[in-house]
Amino acid sequence: MAKLSSINKNNKRIKLSDQFYKKRQKLKKVIMDKKISLDERFKAQQKLSKLPRNSSKTRVMNRCQITGRPHGVYRKLKISRIALRQLGLQGKIPGLIKSSW
């Protein structure tokens, strides 16, 4: 089980990234548009840099929804490999069988 502080910090980052997503996209669109004057693009760049760092989507860590483990997480299932194995052994995931040879 991961530390609660790191799980809560990541949850805060997820909320911030969802909150500022549209604003960041608009500013990035202005910055990348070559038809707009250089001065306006520079002002948009400054506004973007004043937004909270944790509002960026790249700051969000993929963590297991069950244990909070940061490594070995399957994106599609949003659980770690260890939690997946435990659920499979308990028979909670249909069609998943532990291999043995």
C-alpha atoms as a PDB file:
ATOM      1  CA  MET A   1       0.000   0.000   0.000  1.00  0.00           C
ATOM      2  CA  ALA A   2       1.383   3.377  -1.006  1.00  0.00           C
ATOM      3  CA  LYS A   3       1.562   6.334   1.348  1.00  0.00           C
ATOM      4  CA  LEU A   4      -1.742   8.168   1.616  1.00  0.00           C
ATOM      5  CA  SER A   5       0.003  11.503   1.115  1.00  0.00           C
ATOM      6  CA  SER A   6       1.300  10.471  -2.309  1.00  0.00           C
ATOM      7  CA  ILE A   7      -2.106   9.102  -3.330  1.00  0.00           C
ATOM      8  CA  ASN A   8      -3.836  12.305  -2.200  1.00  0.00           C
ATOM      9  CA  LYS A   9      -1.234  14.434  -3.985  1.00  0.00           C
ATOM     10  CA  ASN A  10      -1.873  12.549  -7.216  1.00  0.00           C
ATOM     11  CA  ASN A  11      -5.655  12.908  -6.796  1.00  0.00           C
ATOM     12  CA  LYS A  12      -5.171  16.657  -6.360  1.00  0.00           C
ATOM     13  CA  ARG A  13      -3.152  16.753  -9.588  1.00  0.00           C
ATOM     14  CA  ILE A  14      -5.920  14.905 -11.427  1.00  0.00           C
ATOM     15  CA  LYS A  15      -8.522  17.433 -10.229  1.00  0.00           C
ATOM     16  CA  LEU A  16      -6.318  20.390 -11.176  1.00  0.00           C
ATOM     17  CA  SER A  17      -5.554  19.003 -14.624  1.00  0.00           C
ATOM     18  CA  ASP A  18      -9.276  18.485 -15.292  1.00  0.00           C
ATOM     19  CA  GLN A  19     -10.076  21.974 -14.000  1.00  0.00           C
ATOM     20  CA  PHE A  20      -7.501  23.810 -16.138  1.00  0.00           C
ATOM     21  CA  TYR A  21      -7.634  21.556 -19.236  1.00  0.00           C
ATOM     22  CA  LYS A  22      -9.689  23.882 -21.472  1.00  0.00           C
ATOM     23  CA  LYS A  23      -7.772  26.990 -20.429  1.00  0.00           C
ATOM     24  CA  ARG A  24      -4.423  25.323 -21.140  1.00  0.00           C
ATOM     25  CA  GLN A  25      -5.633  24.119 -24.550  1.00  0.00           C
ATOM     26  CA  LYS A  26      -6.785  27.624 -25.548  1.00  0.00           C
ATOM     27  CA  LEU A  27      -3.478  29.180 -24.513  1.00  0.00           C
ATOM     28  CA  LYS A  28      -1.474  26.483 -26.329  1.00  0.00           C
ATOM     29  CA  LYS A  29      -3.551  27.033 -29.446  1.00  0.00           C
ATOM     30  CA  VAL A  30      -2.742  30.773 -29.355  1.00  0.00           C
ATOM     31  CA  ILE A  31       0.953  30.082 -28.762  1.00  0.00           C
ATOM     32  CA  MET A  32       1.208  27.683 -31.706  1.00  0.00           C
ATOM     33  CA  ASP A  33      -0.729  29.897 -34.146  1.00  0.00           C
ATOM     34  CA  LYS A  34       1.849  31.613 -36.369  1.00  0.00           C
ATOM     35  CA  LYS A  35      -0.730  34.057 -37.773  1.00  0.00           C
ATOM     36  CA  ILE A  36      -1.113  35.852 -34.431  1.00  0.00           C
ATOM     37  CA  SER A  37       1.402  38.573 -33.582  1.00  0.00           C
ATOM     38  CA  LEU A  38       4.491  37.716 -31.586  1.00  0.00           C
ATOM     39  CA  ASP A  39       3.463  40.022 -28.725  1.00  0.00           C
ATOM     40  CA  GLU A  40       0.097  38.297 -28.216  1.00  0.00           C
ATOM     41  CA  ARG A  41       1.720  34.879 -28.367  1.00  0.00           C
ATOM     42  CA  PHE A  42       4.270  35.950 -25.771  1.00  0.00           C
ATOM     43  CA  LYS A  43       1.486  37.160 -23.450  1.00  0.00           C
ATOM     44  CA  ALA A  44      -0.278  33.819 -23.864  1.00  0.00           C
ATOM     45  CA  GLN A  45       2.987  32.053 -22.987  1.00  0.00           C
ATOM     46  CA  GLN A  46       3.270  34.122 -19.802  1.00  0.00           C
ATOM     47  CA  LYS A  47      -0.327  33.314 -18.834  1.00  0.00           C
ATOM     48  CA  LEU A  48       0.364  29.628 -19.393  1.00  0.00           C
ATOM     49  CA  SER A  49       3.456  29.749 -17.194  1.00  0.00           C
ATOM     50  CA  LYS A  50       1.463  31.402 -14.379  1.00  0.00           C
ATOM     51  CA  LEU A  51      -0.963  28.481 -14.196  1.00  0.00           C
ATOM     52  CA  PRO A  52      -0.240  25.938 -11.442  1.00  0.00           C
ATOM     53  CA  ARG A  53       2.392  23.370 -12.366  1.00  0.00           C
ATOM     54  CA  ASN A  54       0.256  20.508 -11.137  1.00  0.00           C
ATOM     55  CA  SER A  55      -2.491  21.466 -13.574  1.00  0.00           C
ATOM     56  CA  SER A  56      -0.459  19.922 -16.390  1.00  0.00           C
ATOM     57  CA  LYS A  57      -1.600  16.478 -17.541  1.00  0.00           C
ATOM     58  CA  THR A  58       1.984  15.192 -17.629  1.00  0.00           C
ATOM     59  CA  ARG A  59       2.307  15.647 -13.847  1.00  0.00           C
ATOM     60  CA  VAL A  60      -0.341  12.999 -13.201  1.00  0.00           C
ATOM     61  CA  MET A  61       1.060   9.597 -12.236  1.00  0.00           C
ATOM     62  CA  ASN A  62      -0.590   6.324 -13.264  1.00  0.00           C
ATOM     63  CA  ARG A  63      -1.404   4.657  -9.951  1.00  0.00           C
ATOM     64  CA  CYS A  64      -3.229   1.469  -9.035  1.00  0.00           C
ATOM     65  CA  GLN A  65      -6.827   2.187  -7.969  1.00  0.00           C
ATOM     66  CA  ILE A  66      -6.660  -0.531  -5.310  1.00  0.00           C
ATOM     67  CA  THR A  67      -3.220  -0.207  -3.726  1.00  0.00           C
ATOM     68  CA  GLY A  68      -1.895   3.115  -5.016  1.00  0.00           C
ATOM     69  CA  ARG A  69       1.224   1.436  -6.416  1.00  0.00           C
ATOM     70  CA  PRO A  70       2.940   3.688  -9.017  1.00  0.00           C
ATOM     71  CA  HIS A  71       4.804   1.007 -11.000  1.00  0.00           C
ATOM     72  CA  GLY A  72       3.552  -1.922 -13.042  1.00  0.00           C
ATOM     73  CA  VAL A  73       0.104  -0.427 -13.682  1.00  0.00           C
ATOM     74  CA  TYR A  74      -2.018  -1.611 -16.604  1.00  0.00           C
ATOM     75  CA  ARG A  75      -3.521   1.540 -18.154  1.00  0.00           C
ATOM     76  CA  LYS A  76      -6.630  -0.130 -19.468  1.00  0.00           C
ATOM     77  CA  LEU A  77      -7.528  -1.730 -16.130  1.00  0.00           C
ATOM     78  CA  LYS A  78      -6.008   0.982 -13.885  1.00  0.00           C
ATOM     79  CA  ILE A  79      -4.693  -1.641 -11.475  1.00  0.00           C
ATOM     80  CA  SER A  80      -1.192  -2.943 -10.814  1.00  0.00           C
ATOM     81  CA  ARG A  81       0.120  -6.295 -11.904  1.00  0.00           C
ATOM     82  CA  ILE A  82       0.172  -7.516  -8.303  1.00  0.00           C
ATOM     83  CA  ALA A  83      -3.437  -6.516  -7.617  1.00  0.00           C
ATOM     84  CA  LEU A  84      -4.464  -8.109 -10.926  1.00  0.00           C
ATOM     85  CA  ARG A  85      -2.821 -11.394  -9.917  1.00  0.00           C
ATOM     86  CA  GLN A  86      -4.484 -11.368  -6.486  1.00  0.00           C
ATOM     87  CA  LEU A  87      -7.911 -10.692  -7.971  1.00  0.00           C
ATOM     88  CA  GLY A  88      -7.330 -13.450 -10.524  1.00  0.00           C
ATOM     89  CA  LEU A  89      -6.370 -15.953  -7.837  1.00  0.00           C
ATOM     90  CA  GLN A  90      -9.492 -15.046  -5.841  1.00  0.00           C
ATOM     91  CA  GLY A  91     -11.603 -15.682  -8.932  1.00  0.00           C
ATOM     92  CA  LYS A  92     -12.938 -12.103  -9.142  1.00  0.00           C
ATOM     93  CA  ILE A  93     -11.851 -11.608 -12.756  1.00  0.00           C
ATOM     94  CA  PRO A  94     -13.800 -13.829 -15.166  1.00  0.00           C
ATOM     95  CA  GLY A  95     -11.688 -15.752 -17.655  1.00  0.00           C
ATOM     96  CA  LEU A  96      -8.384 -15.144 -15.867  1.00  0.00           C
ATOM     97  CA  ILE A  97      -6.559 -18.339 -14.864  1.00  0.00           C
ATOM     98  CA  LYS A  98      -3.127 -18.593 -13.288  1.00  0.00           C
ATOM     99  CA  SER A  99      -0.878 -20.460 -15.681  1.00  0.00           C
ATOM    100  CA  SER A 100       1.093 -23.481 -14.545  1.00  0.00           C
ATOM    101  CA  TRP A 101       3.269 -25.887 -16.504  1.00  0.00           C
END
